[in-house]
PDB file of all heavy atoms in Angstrom:
ATOM      1  N   LEU A   1     149.156  -6.360  92.853  1.00  0.00           N
ATOM      2  CA  LEU A   1     148.785  -6.203  94.267  1.00  0.00           C
ATOM      3  C   LEU A   1     147.829  -5.025  94.485  1.00  0.00           C
ATOM      4  O   LEU A   1     146.917  -5.062  95.321  1.00  0.00           O
ATOM      5  CB  LEU A   1     150.045  -5.985  95.126  1.00  0.00           C
ATOM      6  CG  LEU A   1     149.822  -5.806  96.627  1.00  0.00           C
ATOM      7  CD1 LEU A   1     149.058  -6.993  97.237  1.00  0.00           C
ATOM      8  CD2 LEU A   1     151.158  -5.603  97.350  1.00  0.00           C
ATOM      9  N   SER A   2     147.971  -3.944  93.705  1.00  0.00           N
ATOM     10  CA  SER A   2     147.087  -2.788  93.938  1.00  0.00           C
ATOM     11  C   SER A   2     145.663  -3.131  93.611  1.00  0.00           C
ATOM     12  O   SER A   2     144.723  -2.623  94.252  1.00  0.00           O
ATOM     13  CB  SER A   2     147.578  -1.606  93.043  1.00  0.00           C
ATOM     14  OG  SER A   2     147.510  -1.919  91.647  1.00  0.00           O
ATOM     15  N   LYS A   3     145.428  -3.979  92.609  1.00  0.00           N
ATOM     16  CA  LYS A   3     144.056  -4.445  92.305  1.00  0.00           C
ATOM     17  C   LYS A   3     143.510  -5.231  93.450  1.00  0.00           C
ATOM     18  O   LYS A   3     142.346  -5.060  93.860  1.00  0.00           O
ATOM     19  CB  LYS A   3     144.052  -5.304  91.022  1.00  0.00           C
ATOM     20  CG  LYS A   3     144.024  -4.583  89.738  1.00  0.00           C
ATOM     21  CD  LYS A   3     143.789  -5.549  88.581  1.00  0.00           C
ATOM     22  CE  LYS A   3     143.666  -4.814  87.260  1.00  0.00           C
ATOM     23  NZ  LYS A   3     143.430  -5.776  86.124  1.00  0.00           N
ATOM     24  N   ALA A   4     144.307  -6.134  93.997  1.00  0.00           N
ATOM     25  CA  ALA A   4     143.879  -6.966  95.120  1.00  0.00           C
ATOM     26  C   ALA A   4     143.536  -6.081  96.328  1.00  0.00           C
ATOM     27  O   ALA A   4     142.508  -6.294  97.022  1.00  0.00           O
ATOM     28  CB  ALA A   4     144.930  -7.982  95.498  1.00  0.00           C
ATOM     29  N   GLU A   5     144.341  -5.084  96.572  1.00  0.00           N
ATOM     30  CA  GLU A   5     144.110  -4.166  97.678  1.00  0.00           C
ATOM     31  C   GLU A   5     142.832  -3.385  97.480  1.00  0.00           C
ATOM     32  O   GLU A   5     142.083  -3.148  98.445  1.00  0.00           O
ATOM     33  CB  GLU A   5     145.315  -3.256  97.862  1.00  0.00           C
ATOM     34  CG  GLU A   5     146.562  -3.979  98.375  1.00  0.00           C
ATOM     35  CD  GLU A   5     147.791  -3.105  98.364  1.00  0.00           C
ATOM     36  OE1 GLU A   5     147.800  -2.062  97.650  1.00  0.00           O
ATOM     37  OE2 GLU A   5     148.738  -3.424  99.113  1.00  0.00           O
ATOM     38  N   ALA A   6     142.533  -2.975  96.258  1.00  0.00           N
ATOM     39  CA  ALA A   6     141.325  -2.229  95.952  1.00  0.00           C
ATOM     40  C   ALA A   6     140.084  -3.094  96.196  1.00  0.00           C
ATOM     41  O   ALA A   6     139.075  -2.629  96.778  1.00  0.00           O
ATOM     42  CB  ALA A   6     141.353  -1.741  94.523  1.00  0.00           C
ATOM     43  N   PHE A   7     140.170  -4.382  95.737  1.00  0.00           N
ATOM     44  CA  PHE A   7     139.049  -5.310  95.997  1.00  0.00           C
ATOM     45  C   PHE A   7     138.873  -5.545  97.490  1.00  0.00           C
ATOM     46  O   PHE A   7     137.731  -5.595  97.990  1.00  0.00           O
ATOM     47  CB  PHE A   7     139.320  -6.639  95.294  1.00  0.00           C
ATOM     48  CG  PHE A   7     138.691  -6.771  93.911  1.00  0.00           C
ATOM     49  CD1 PHE A   7     139.008  -5.853  92.917  1.00  0.00           C
ATOM     50  CD2 PHE A   7     137.795  -7.797  93.620  1.00  0.00           C
ATOM     51  CE1 PHE A   7     138.442  -5.928  91.670  1.00  0.00           C
ATOM     52  CE2 PHE A   7     137.243  -7.875  92.359  1.00  0.00           C
ATOM     53  CZ  PHE A   7     137.534  -6.952  91.380  1.00  0.00           C
ATOM     54  N   ALA A   8     139.977  -5.715  98.186  1.00  0.00           N
ATOM     55  CA  ALA A   8     139.906  -5.962  99.647  1.00  0.00           C
ATOM     56  C   ALA A   8     139.220  -4.831 100.356  1.00  0.00           C
ATOM     57  O   ALA A   8     138.366  -5.007 101.222  1.00  0.00           O
ATOM     58  CB  ALA A   8     141.313  -6.177 100.187  1.00  0.00           C
ATOM     59  N   ALA A   9     139.558  -3.600  99.935  1.00  0.00           N
ATOM     60  CA  ALA A   9     138.959  -2.430 100.557  1.00  0.00           C
ATOM     61  C   ALA A   9     137.457  -2.321 100.236  1.00  0.00           C
ATOM     62  O   ALA A   9     136.637  -1.949 101.091  1.00  0.00           O
ATOM     63  CB  ALA A   9     139.686  -1.173 100.109  1.00  0.00           C
ATOM     64  N   GLU A  10     137.121  -2.662  98.976  1.00  0.00           N
ATOM     65  CA  GLU A  10     135.741  -2.521  98.555  1.00  0.00           C
ATOM     66  C   GLU A  10     134.818  -3.546  99.209  1.00  0.00           C
ATOM     67  O   GLU A  10     133.688  -3.250  99.616  1.00  0.00           O
ATOM     68  CB  GLU A  10     135.656  -2.640  97.028  1.00  0.00           C
ATOM     69  CG  GLU A  10     134.269  -2.500  96.487  1.00  0.00           C
ATOM     70  CD  GLU A  10     134.180  -2.468  94.969  1.00  0.00           C
ATOM     71  OE1 GLU A  10     135.275  -2.503  94.320  1.00  0.00           O
ATOM     72  OE2 GLU A  10     133.083  -2.453  94.429  1.00  0.00           O
ATOM     73  N   PHE A  11     135.312  -4.794  99.321  1.00  0.00           N
ATOM     74  CA  PHE A  11     134.422  -5.869  99.774  1.00  0.00           C
ATOM     75  C   PHE A  11     134.692  -6.361 101.210  1.00  0.00           C
ATOM     76  O   PHE A  11     133.960  -7.201 101.710  1.00  0.00           O
ATOM     77  CB  PHE A  11     134.539  -7.057  98.803  1.00  0.00           C
ATOM     78  CG  PHE A  11     133.986  -6.768  97.451  1.00  0.00           C
ATOM     79  CD1 PHE A  11     134.865  -6.555  96.369  1.00  0.00           C
ATOM     80  CD2 PHE A  11     132.632  -6.663  97.197  1.00  0.00           C
ATOM     81  CE1 PHE A  11     134.368  -6.259  95.096  1.00  0.00           C
ATOM     82  CE2 PHE A  11     132.159  -6.355  95.948  1.00  0.00           C
ATOM     83  CZ  PHE A  11     133.012  -6.171  94.891  1.00  0.00           C
ATOM     84  N   GLY A  12     135.748  -5.851 101.814  1.00  0.00           N
ATOM     85  CA  GLY A  12     136.004  -6.256 103.193  1.00  0.00           C
ATOM     86  C   GLY A  12     136.833  -7.511 103.371  1.00  0.00           C
ATOM     87  O   GLY A  12     136.745  -8.170 104.438  1.00  0.00           O
ATOM     88  N   PHE A  13     137.612  -7.895 102.370  1.00  0.00           N
ATOM     89  CA  PHE A  13     138.528  -9.037 102.543  1.00  0.00           C
ATOM     90  C   PHE A  13     139.590  -8.641 103.594  1.00  0.00           C
ATOM     91  O   PHE A  13     140.057  -7.513 103.615  1.00  0.00           O
ATOM     92  CB  PHE A  13     139.247  -9.363 101.232  1.00  0.00           C
ATOM     93  CG  PHE A  13     138.391 -10.080 100.217  1.00  0.00           C
ATOM     94  CD1 PHE A  13     137.749  -9.366  99.219  1.00  0.00           C
ATOM     95  CD2 PHE A  13     138.246 -11.450 100.264  1.00  0.00           C
ATOM     96  CE1 PHE A  13     136.946 -10.008  98.300  1.00  0.00           C
ATOM     97  CE2 PHE A  13     137.477 -12.117  99.303  1.00  0.00           C
ATOM     98  CZ  PHE A  13     136.828 -11.406  98.332  1.00  0.00           C
ATOM     99  N   LYS A  14     139.941  -9.602 104.415  1.00  0.00           N
ATOM    100  CA  LYS A  14     140.962  -9.324 105.440  1.00  0.00           C
ATOM    101  C   LYS A  14     142.350  -9.200 104.865  1.00  0.00           C
ATOM    102  O   LYS A  14     143.178  -8.462 105.397  1.00  0.00           O
ATOM    103  CB  LYS A  14     140.948 -10.469 106.470  1.00  0.00           C
ATOM    104  CG  LYS A  14     139.705 -10.561 107.341  1.00  0.00           C
ATOM    105  CD  LYS A  14     139.676 -11.835 108.134  1.00  0.00           C
ATOM    106  CE  LYS A  14     140.939 -12.039 108.949  1.00  0.00           C
ATOM    107  NZ  LYS A  14     140.908 -13.308 109.708  1.00  0.00           N
ATOM    108  N   LYS A  15     142.648  -9.919 103.782  1.00  0.00           N
ATOM    109  CA  LYS A  15     143.976  -9.985 103.232  1.00  0.00           C
ATOM    110  C   LYS A  15     143.977  -9.787 101.712  1.00  0.00           C
ATOM    111  O   LYS A  15     142.999 -10.152 101.035  1.00  0.00           O
ATOM    112  CB  LYS A  15     144.640 -11.326 103.528  1.00  0.00           C
ATOM    113  CG  LYS A  15     144.746 -11.673 105.025  1.00  0.00           C
ATOM    114  CD  LYS A  15     145.419 -13.050 105.187  1.00  0.00           C
ATOM    115  CE  LYS A  15     145.508 -13.443 106.652  1.00  0.00           C
ATOM    116  NZ  LYS A  15     146.188 -14.735 106.830  1.00  0.00           N
ATOM    117  N   SER A  16     145.045  -9.245 101.188  1.00  0.00           N
ATOM    118  CA  SER A  16     145.239  -9.162  99.745  1.00  0.00           C
ATOM    119  C   SER A  16     146.615  -9.681  99.416  1.00  0.00           C
ATOM    120  O   SER A  16     147.569  -9.577 100.227  1.00  0.00           O
ATOM    121  CB  SER A  16     145.037  -7.730  99.254  1.00  0.00           C
ATOM    122  OG  SER A  16     145.868  -6.844 100.013  1.00  0.00           O
ATOM    123  N   TYR A  17     146.756 -10.284  98.257  1.00  0.00           N
ATOM    124  CA  TYR A  17     148.033 -10.908  97.827  1.00  0.00           C
ATOM    125  C   TYR A  17     148.395 -10.440  96.411  1.00  0.00           C
ATOM    126  O   TYR A  17     147.526 -10.271  95.560  1.00  0.00           O
ATOM    127  CB  TYR A  17     147.874 -12.413  97.835  1.00  0.00           C
ATOM    128  CG  TYR A  17     147.276 -13.024  99.065  1.00  0.00           C
ATOM    129  CD1 TYR A  17     145.879 -13.073  99.179  1.00  0.00           C
ATOM    130  CD2 TYR A  17     148.050 -13.536 100.115  1.00  0.00           C
ATOM    131  CE1 TYR A  17     145.277 -13.641 100.283  1.00  0.00           C
ATOM    132  CE2 TYR A  17     147.461 -14.098 101.212  1.00  0.00           C
ATOM    133  CZ  TYR A  17     146.072 -14.144 101.347  1.00  0.00           C
ATOM    134  OH  TYR A  17     145.479 -14.698 102.455  1.00  0.00           O
ATOM    135  N   GLY A  18     149.703 -10.317  96.195  1.00  0.00           N
ATOM    136  CA  GLY A  18     150.191  -9.908  94.885  1.00  0.00           C
ATOM    137  C   GLY A  18     150.464 -11.050  93.924  1.00  0.00           C
ATOM    138  O   GLY A  18     150.987 -10.851  92.852  1.00  0.00           O
ATOM    139  N   SER A  19     150.071 -12.284  94.320  1.00  0.00           N
ATOM    140  CA  SER A  19     150.197 -13.434  93.447  1.00  0.00           C
ATOM    141  C   SER A  19     149.212 -14.485  93.888  1.00  0.00           C
ATOM    142  O   SER A  19     148.806 -14.541  95.053  1.00  0.00           O
ATOM    143  CB  SER A  19     151.627 -14.015  93.466  1.00  0.00           C
ATOM    144  OG  SER A  19     151.860 -14.656  94.710  1.00  0.00           O
ATOM    145  N   TYR A  20     148.823 -15.356  92.970  1.00  0.00           N
ATOM    146  CA  TYR A  20     147.924 -16.438  93.317  1.00  0.00           C
ATOM    147  C   TYR A  20     148.639 -17.429  94.257  1.00  0.00           C
ATOM    148  O   TYR A  20     148.009 -17.961  95.203  1.00  0.00           O
ATOM    149  CB  TYR A  20     147.490 -17.213  92.064  1.00  0.00           C
ATOM    150  CG  TYR A  20     146.802 -16.363  91.027  1.00  0.00           C
ATOM    151  CD1 TYR A  20     146.815 -16.739  89.680  1.00  0.00           C
ATOM    152  CD2 TYR A  20     146.135 -15.196  91.334  1.00  0.00           C
ATOM    153  CE1 TYR A  20     146.207 -16.004  88.680  1.00  0.00           C
ATOM    154  CE2 TYR A  20     145.531 -14.406  90.359  1.00  0.00           C
ATOM    155  CZ  TYR A  20     145.554 -14.813  89.045  1.00  0.00           C
ATOM    156  OH  TYR A  20     144.964 -14.081  88.064  1.00  0.00           O
ATOM    157  N   GLU A  21     149.933 -17.630  93.974  1.00  0.00           N
ATOM    158  CA  GLU A  21     150.691 -18.573  94.818  1.00  0.00           C
ATOM    159  C   GLU A  21     150.731 -18.146  96.276  1.00  0.00           C
ATOM    160  O   GLU A  21     150.659 -18.985  97.171  1.00  0.00           O
ATOM    161  CB  GLU A  21     152.139 -18.701  94.260  1.00  0.00           C
ATOM    162  CG  GLU A  21     152.206 -19.347  92.865  1.00  0.00           C
ATOM    163  CD  GLU A  21     152.018 -18.414  91.702  1.00  0.00           C
ATOM    164  OE1 GLU A  21     151.684 -17.232  91.958  1.00  0.00           O
ATOM    165  OE2 GLU A  21     152.185 -18.837  90.567  1.00  0.00           O
ATOM    166  N   ALA A  22     150.806 -16.852  96.486  1.00  0.00           N
ATOM    167  CA  ALA A  22     150.886 -16.342  97.861  1.00  0.00           C
ATOM    168  C   ALA A  22     149.615 -16.699  98.650  1.00  0.00           C
ATOM    169  O   ALA A  22     149.656 -17.078  99.812  1.00  0.00           O
ATOM    170  CB  ALA A  22     151.169 -14.870  97.875  1.00  0.00           C
ATOM    171  N   MET A  23     148.474 -16.561  97.962  1.00  0.00           N
ATOM    172  CA  MET A  23     147.232 -16.869  98.660  1.00  0.00           C
ATOM    173  C   MET A  23     147.107 -18.370  98.939  1.00  0.00           C
ATOM    174  O   MET A  23     146.724 -18.756 100.034  1.00  0.00           O
ATOM    175  CB  MET A  23     146.024 -16.436  97.830  1.00  0.00           C
ATOM    176  CG  MET A  23     144.718 -16.547  98.590  1.00  0.00           C
ATOM    177  SD  MET A  23     143.272 -15.952  97.668  1.00  0.00           S
ATOM    178  CE  MET A  23     143.061 -17.376  96.559  1.00  0.00           C
ATOM    179  N   LEU A  24     147.515 -19.195  97.961  1.00  0.00           N
ATOM    180  CA  LEU A  24     147.446 -20.632  98.205  1.00  0.00           C
ATOM    181  C   LEU A  24     148.376 -21.109  99.292  1.00  0.00           C
ATOM    182  O   LEU A  24     148.134 -22.149  99.914  1.00  0.00           O
ATOM    183  CB  LEU A  24     147.709 -21.384  96.888  1.00  0.00           C
ATOM    184  CG  LEU A  24     146.731 -21.148  95.729  1.00  0.00           C
ATOM    185  CD1 LEU A  24     147.020 -22.107  94.580  1.00  0.00           C
ATOM    186  CD2 LEU A  24     145.295 -21.308  96.202  1.00  0.00           C
ATOM    187  N   ALA A  25     149.450 -20.335  99.545  1.00  0.00           N
ATOM    188  CA  ALA A  25     150.407 -20.714 100.577  1.00  0.00           C
ATOM    189  C   ALA A  25     149.930 -20.310 101.933  1.00  0.00           C
ATOM    190  O   ALA A  25     150.526 -20.719 102.938  1.00  0.00           O
ATOM    191  CB  ALA A  25     151.751 -20.103 100.277  1.00  0.00           C
ATOM    192  N   ASP A  26     148.866 -19.512 102.039  1.00  0.00           N
ATOM    193  CA  ASP A  26     148.348 -19.045 103.325  1.00  0.00           C
ATOM    194  C   ASP A  26     147.514 -20.151 103.985  1.00  0.00           C
ATOM    195  O   ASP A  26     146.464 -20.520 103.472  1.00  0.00           O
ATOM    196  CB  ASP A  26     147.488 -17.795 103.122  1.00  0.00           C
ATOM    197  CG  ASP A  26     147.075 -17.146 104.423  1.00  0.00           C
ATOM    198  OD1 ASP A  26     147.132 -17.800 105.455  1.00  0.00           O
ATOM    199  OD2 ASP A  26     146.650 -15.960 104.378  1.00  0.00           O
ATOM    200  N   PRO A  27     147.964 -20.664 105.130  1.00  0.00           N
ATOM    201  CA  PRO A  27     147.202 -21.741 105.791  1.00  0.00           C
ATOM    202  C   PRO A  27     145.849 -21.337 106.290  1.00  0.00           C
ATOM    203  O   PRO A  27     145.018 -22.177 106.573  1.00  0.00           O
ATOM    204  CB  PRO A  27     148.120 -22.136 106.938  1.00  0.00           C
ATOM    205  CG  PRO A  27     148.969 -20.917 107.207  1.00  0.00           C
ATOM    206  CD  PRO A  27     149.162 -20.272 105.883  1.00  0.00           C
ATOM    207  N   GLU A  28     145.582 -20.014 106.391  1.00  0.00           N
ATOM    208  CA  GLU A  28     144.288 -19.565 106.877  1.00  0.00           C
ATOM    209  C   GLU A  28     143.160 -19.801 105.835  1.00  0.00           C
ATOM    210  O   GLU A  28     142.005 -19.987 106.213  1.00  0.00           O
ATOM    211  CB  GLU A  28     144.329 -18.114 107.302  1.00  0.00           C
ATOM    212  CG  GLU A  28     143.070 -17.640 108.005  1.00  0.00           C
ATOM    213  CD  GLU A  28     143.146 -16.232 108.533  1.00  0.00           C
ATOM    214  OE1 GLU A  28     144.155 -15.504 108.199  1.00  0.00           O
ATOM    215  OE2 GLU A  28     142.222 -15.806 109.232  1.00  0.00           O
ATOM    216  N   ILE A  29     143.541 -19.765 104.567  1.00  0.00           N
ATOM    217  CA  ILE A  29     142.553 -19.947 103.509  1.00  0.00           C
ATOM    218  C   ILE A  29     142.100 -21.393 103.444  1.00  0.00           C
ATOM    219  O   ILE A  29     142.945 -22.289 103.303  1.00  0.00           O
ATOM    220  CB  ILE A  29     143.124 -19.504 102.165  1.00  0.00           C
ATOM    221  CG1 ILE A  29     143.504 -18.017 102.145  1.00  0.00           C
ATOM    222  CG2 ILE A  29     142.113 -19.796 101.025  1.00  0.00           C
ATOM    223  CD1 ILE A  29     142.371 -17.056 102.329  1.00  0.00           C
ATOM    224  N   GLU A  30     140.812 -21.629 103.541  1.00  0.00           N
ATOM    225  CA  GLU A  30     140.286 -22.989 103.508  1.00  0.00           C
ATOM    226  C   GLU A  30     139.709 -23.371 102.134  1.00  0.00           C
ATOM    227  O   GLU A  30     139.785 -24.518 101.722  1.00  0.00           O
ATOM    228  CB  GLU A  30     139.150 -23.198 104.550  1.00  0.00           C
ATOM    229  CG  GLU A  30     139.608 -22.956 105.964  1.00  0.00           C
ATOM    230  CD  GLU A  30     138.386 -23.018 106.894  1.00  0.00           C
ATOM    231  OE1 GLU A  30     137.994 -24.133 107.266  1.00  0.00           O
ATOM    232  OE2 GLU A  30     137.858 -21.927 107.229  1.00  0.00           O
ATOM    233  N   ALA A  31     139.086 -22.419 101.475  1.00  0.00           N
ATOM    234  CA  ALA A  31     138.423 -22.684 100.202  1.00  0.00           C
ATOM    235  C   ALA A  31     138.714 -21.531  99.228  1.00  0.00           C
ATOM    236  O   ALA A  31     138.929 -20.390  99.642  1.00  0.00           O
ATOM    237  CB  ALA A  31     136.942 -22.833 100.395  1.00  0.00           C
ATOM    238  N   VAL A  32     138.643 -21.877  97.937  1.00  0.00           N
ATOM    239  CA  VAL A  32     138.986 -20.890  96.915  1.00  0.00           C
ATOM    240  C   VAL A  32     137.947 -20.867  95.820  1.00  0.00           C
ATOM    241  O   VAL A  32     137.442 -21.916  95.377  1.00  0.00           O
ATOM    242  CB  VAL A  32     140.356 -21.227  96.305  1.00  0.00           C
ATOM    243  CG1 VAL A  32     140.647 -20.345  95.072  1.00  0.00           C
ATOM    244  CG2 VAL A  32     141.487 -21.065  97.320  1.00  0.00           C
ATOM    245  N   TYR A  33     137.588 -19.664  95.378  1.00  0.00           N
ATOM    246  CA  TYR A  33     136.717 -19.487  94.211  1.00  0.00           C
ATOM    247  C   TYR A  33     137.613 -19.169  93.023  1.00  0.00           C
ATOM    248  O   TYR A  33     138.413 -18.254  93.076  1.00  0.00           O
ATOM    249  CB  TYR A  33     135.724 -18.377  94.464  1.00  0.00           C
ATOM    250  CG  TYR A  33     134.935 -18.009  93.215  1.00  0.00           C
ATOM    251  CD1 TYR A  33     134.218 -18.934  92.506  1.00  0.00           C
ATOM    252  CD2 TYR A  33     134.868 -16.675  92.778  1.00  0.00           C
ATOM    253  CE1 TYR A  33     133.499 -18.592  91.348  1.00  0.00           C
ATOM    254  CE2 TYR A  33     134.164 -16.292  91.660  1.00  0.00           C
ATOM    255  CZ  TYR A  33     133.468 -17.265  90.967  1.00  0.00           C
ATOM    256  OH  TYR A  33     132.744 -16.903  89.841  1.00  0.00           O
ATOM    257  N   ASN A  34     137.501 -19.927  91.937  1.00  0.00           N
ATOM    258  CA  ASN A  34     138.354 -19.815  90.746  1.00  0.00           C
ATOM    259  C   ASN A  34     137.526 -19.280  89.561  1.00  0.00           C
ATOM    260  O   ASN A  34     136.901 -20.073  88.861  1.00  0.00           O
ATOM    261  CB  ASN A  34     138.957 -21.191  90.448  1.00  0.00           C
ATOM    262  CG  ASN A  34     139.836 -21.185  89.185  1.00  0.00           C
ATOM    263  OD1 ASN A  34     139.874 -20.204  88.441  1.00  0.00           O
ATOM    264  ND2 ASN A  34     140.469 -22.290  88.944  1.00  0.00           N
ATOM    265  N   PRO A  35     137.539 -17.968  89.343  1.00  0.00           N
ATOM    266  CA  PRO A  35     136.843 -17.407  88.166  1.00  0.00           C
ATOM    267  C   PRO A  35     137.792 -17.003  87.060  1.00  0.00           C
ATOM    268  O   PRO A  35     137.475 -16.101  86.249  1.00  0.00           O
ATOM    269  CB  PRO A  35     136.149 -16.170  88.809  1.00  0.00           C
ATOM    270  CG  PRO A  35     137.202 -15.657  89.752  1.00  0.00           C
ATOM    271  CD  PRO A  35     137.977 -16.875  90.240  1.00  0.00           C
ATOM    272  N   LEU A  36     138.934 -17.619  86.995  1.00  0.00           N
ATOM    273  CA  LEU A  36     139.925 -17.254  85.967  1.00  0.00           C
ATOM    274  C   LEU A  36     139.411 -17.639  84.574  1.00  0.00           C
ATOM    275  O   LEU A  36     138.393 -18.334  84.460  1.00  0.00           O
ATOM    276  CB  LEU A  36     141.249 -18.019  86.242  1.00  0.00           C
ATOM    277  CG  LEU A  36     141.918 -17.693  87.596  1.00  0.00           C
ATOM    278  CD1 LEU A  36     143.089 -18.646  87.833  1.00  0.00           C
ATOM    279  CD2 LEU A  36     142.403 -16.240  87.621  1.00  0.00           C
ATOM    280  N   PRO A  37     140.047 -17.145  83.501  1.00  0.00           N
ATOM    281  CA  PRO A  37     139.626 -17.550  82.169  1.00  0.00           C
ATOM    282  C   PRO A  37     139.561 -19.054  82.003  1.00  0.00           C
ATOM    283  O   PRO A  37     140.315 -19.791  82.649  1.00  0.00           O
ATOM    284  CB  PRO A  37     140.714 -16.944  81.272  1.00  0.00           C
ATOM    285  CG  PRO A  37     141.191 -15.747  82.021  1.00  0.00           C
ATOM    286  CD  PRO A  37     141.157 -16.161  83.462  1.00  0.00           C
ATOM    287  N   ASN A  38     138.654 -19.512  81.138  1.00  0.00           N
ATOM    288  CA  ASN A  38     138.390 -20.946  81.002  1.00  0.00           C
ATOM    289  C   ASN A  38     139.635 -21.828  80.914  1.00  0.00           C
ATOM    290  O   ASN A  38     139.710 -22.877  81.579  1.00  0.00           O
ATOM    291  CB  ASN A  38     137.523 -21.213  79.752  1.00  0.00           C
ATOM    292  CG  ASN A  38     136.112 -20.618  79.873  1.00  0.00           C
ATOM    293  OD1 ASN A  38     135.731 -20.201  80.923  1.00  0.00           O
ATOM    294  ND2 ASN A  38     135.423 -20.619  78.753  1.00  0.00           N
ATOM    295  N   GLY A  39     140.584 -21.407  80.105  1.00  0.00           N
ATOM    296  CA  GLY A  39     141.745 -22.201  79.876  1.00  0.00           C
ATOM    297  C   GLY A  39     142.645 -22.395  81.076  1.00  0.00           C
ATOM    298  O   GLY A  39     143.501 -23.274  81.092  1.00  0.00           O
ATOM    299  N   LEU A  40     142.432 -21.556  82.099  1.00  0.00           N
ATOM    300  CA  LEU A  40     143.268 -21.665  83.335  1.00  0.00           C
ATOM    301  C   LEU A  40     142.547 -22.415  84.427  1.00  0.00           C
ATOM    302  O   LEU A  40     143.142 -22.634  85.493  1.00  0.00           O
ATOM    303  CB  LEU A  40     143.624 -20.242  83.809  1.00  0.00           C
ATOM    304  CG  LEU A  40     144.422 -19.396  82.854  1.00  0.00           C
ATOM    305  CD1 LEU A  40     144.649 -18.018  83.450  1.00  0.00           C
ATOM    306  CD2 LEU A  40     145.744 -20.047  82.516  1.00  0.00           C
ATOM    307  N   HIS A  41     141.296 -22.830  84.228  1.00  0.00           N
ATOM    308  CA  HIS A  41     140.542 -23.504  85.317  1.00  0.00           C
ATOM    309  C   HIS A  41     141.226 -24.744  85.848  1.00  0.00           C
ATOM    310  O   HIS A  41     141.425 -24.879  87.061  1.00  0.00           O
ATOM    311  CB  HIS A  41     139.130 -23.800  84.816  1.00  0.00           C
ATOM    312  CG  HIS A  41     138.283 -22.585  84.674  1.00  0.00           C
ATOM    313  ND1 HIS A  41     136.991 -22.625  84.163  1.00  0.00           N
ATOM    314  CD2 HIS A  41     138.477 -21.299  85.000  1.00  0.00           C
ATOM    315  CE1 HIS A  41     136.496 -21.438  84.141  1.00  0.00           C
ATOM    316  NE2 HIS A  41     137.390 -20.588  84.635  1.00  0.00           N
TER     317      HIS A  41
END
């Protein structure tokens, strides 16, 4: 979560999440960018 909070502060994201699942559960999110390692795509 601390990494997410640092990114949010740096780039102006409204929200930060301590898990991928938490973000996907947020109904406000419409689209997702997936830059995870290849095997997780």
